[in-house]
Amino acid sequence: MEQKQYVYILRCSDDSLYTGWTTNLEQRVRRHNEGKGAKYTRSRRPVQLVYHEEYDDKIEAQRREREIKKLNRKDKLELIETRRTD
């Protein structure tokens, strides 16, 4: 059985949004907050998980990540509001 894949959106301390994918959502958010995640989030801590989607397939998750990254901020905020994580 394949590992679950997650696409996620973080809200950074400067109110910007960061999108990524991972196989371990809790650990990945923790790594971002430790400053060991993406370069983008290092200077924008703390970050908060505000949205995620779960996939069985890595390729599908990465495709969705690219799709979300292409959205403008308004559309990302609408996506977050329709499927809240918290």
Protein backbone atom coordinates (compact mmCIF):
# COMPACT_ATOMS: atom_id res chain seq x y z
CA MET A 1 0.00 0.00 0.00
CA GLU A 2 1.31 3.41 -0.96
CA GLN A 3 1.84 6.20 1.52
CA LYS A 4 -0.75 8.98 1.70
CA GLN A 5 0.22 12.21 -0.02
CA TYR A 6 -0.88 15.62 1.22
CA VAL A 7 -1.14 18.98 -0.49
CA TYR A 8 -1.30 21.80 2.02
CA ILE A 9 -1.50 25.56 2.43
CA LEU A 10 0.19 27.39 5.29
CA ARG A 11 -0.59 30.90 6.47
CA CYS A 12 2.70 32.59 7.35
CA SER A 13 3.24 35.21 10.07
CA ASP A 14 3.23 37.96 7.41
CA ASP A 15 -0.20 36.68 6.24
CA SER A 16 1.25 35.28 3.01
CA LEU A 17 0.27 31.79 1.86
CA TYR A 18 2.62 28.90 1.11
CA THR A 19 1.59 25.74 -0.77
CA GLY A 20 3.46 22.43 -0.65
CA TRP A 21 3.08 18.64 -0.59
CA THR A 22 4.31 15.96 1.79
CA THR A 23 3.75 12.40 2.99
CA ASN A 24 3.69 13.42 6.68
CA LEU A 25 1.61 16.52 7.29
CA GLU A 26 2.26 17.00 11.02
CA GLN A 27 6.00 16.53 10.68
CA ARG A 28 6.18 18.85 7.68
CA VAL A 29 4.38 21.70 9.45
CA ARG A 30 6.64 21.19 12.47
CA ARG A 31 9.72 21.34 10.20
CA HIS A 32 8.48 24.59 8.66
CA ASN A 33 8.06 26.06 12.15
CA GLU A 34 11.55 24.88 13.15
CA GLY A 35 12.99 26.79 10.20
CA LYS A 36 13.91 23.55 8.43
CA GLY A 37 11.13 23.64 5.85
CA ALA A 38 11.11 25.68 2.68
CA LYS A 39 13.37 28.69 2.32
CA TYR A 40 10.27 30.84 1.81
CA THR A 41 8.81 30.00 5.23
CA ARG A 42 12.05 30.32 7.24
CA SER A 43 11.73 34.08 7.68
CA ARG A 44 7.93 33.99 7.96
CA ARG A 45 7.48 31.86 11.08
CA PRO A 46 5.39 30.78 12.77
CA VAL A 47 3.25 29.20 10.09
CA GLN A 48 -0.20 27.72 10.54
CA LEU A 49 -1.78 24.91 8.56
CA VAL A 50 -5.00 26.31 7.11
CA TYR A 51 -5.86 23.81 4.38
CA HIS A 52 -4.99 20.33 3.15
CA GLU A 53 -6.09 17.66 0.69
CA GLU A 54 -5.21 13.96 0.83
CA TYR A 55 -4.21 11.78 -2.13
CA ASP A 56 -3.20 8.17 -2.66
CA ASP A 57 -0.97 9.00 -5.62
CA LYS A 58 2.20 11.15 -5.55
CA ILE A 59 1.83 12.31 -9.15
CA GLU A 60 -1.74 13.42 -8.54
CA ALA A 61 -0.75 15.29 -5.36
CA GLN A 62 2.11 17.08 -7.12
CA ARG A 63 -0.19 18.00 -10.01
CA ARG A 64 -2.68 19.47 -7.54
CA GLU A 65 0.10 21.38 -5.76
CA ARG A 66 1.09 23.03 -9.05
CA GLU A 67 -2.57 23.80 -9.75
CA ILE A 68 -3.03 25.52 -6.37
CA LYS A 69 0.24 27.44 -6.71
CA LYS A 70 -1.07 28.96 -9.94
CA LEU A 71 -4.16 30.35 -8.20
CA ASN A 72 -4.20 34.00 -7.18
CA ARG A 73 -4.47 34.90 -3.49
CA LYS A 74 -8.23 35.56 -3.68
CA ASP A 75 -8.88 32.10 -5.16
CA LYS A 76 -6.61 30.43 -2.57
CA LEU A 77 -8.51 32.18 0.24
CA GLU A 78 -11.82 30.99 -1.24
CA LEU A 79 -10.44 27.44 -1.40
CA ILE A 80 -9.36 27.67 2.24
CA GLU A 81 -12.79 28.94 3.30
CA THR A 82 -14.64 26.13 1.50
CA ARG A 83 -12.58 23.36 3.14
CA ARG A 84 -11.15 24.55 6.46
CA THR A 85 -8.51 22.39 8.18
CA ASP A 86 -9.11 23.71 11.70
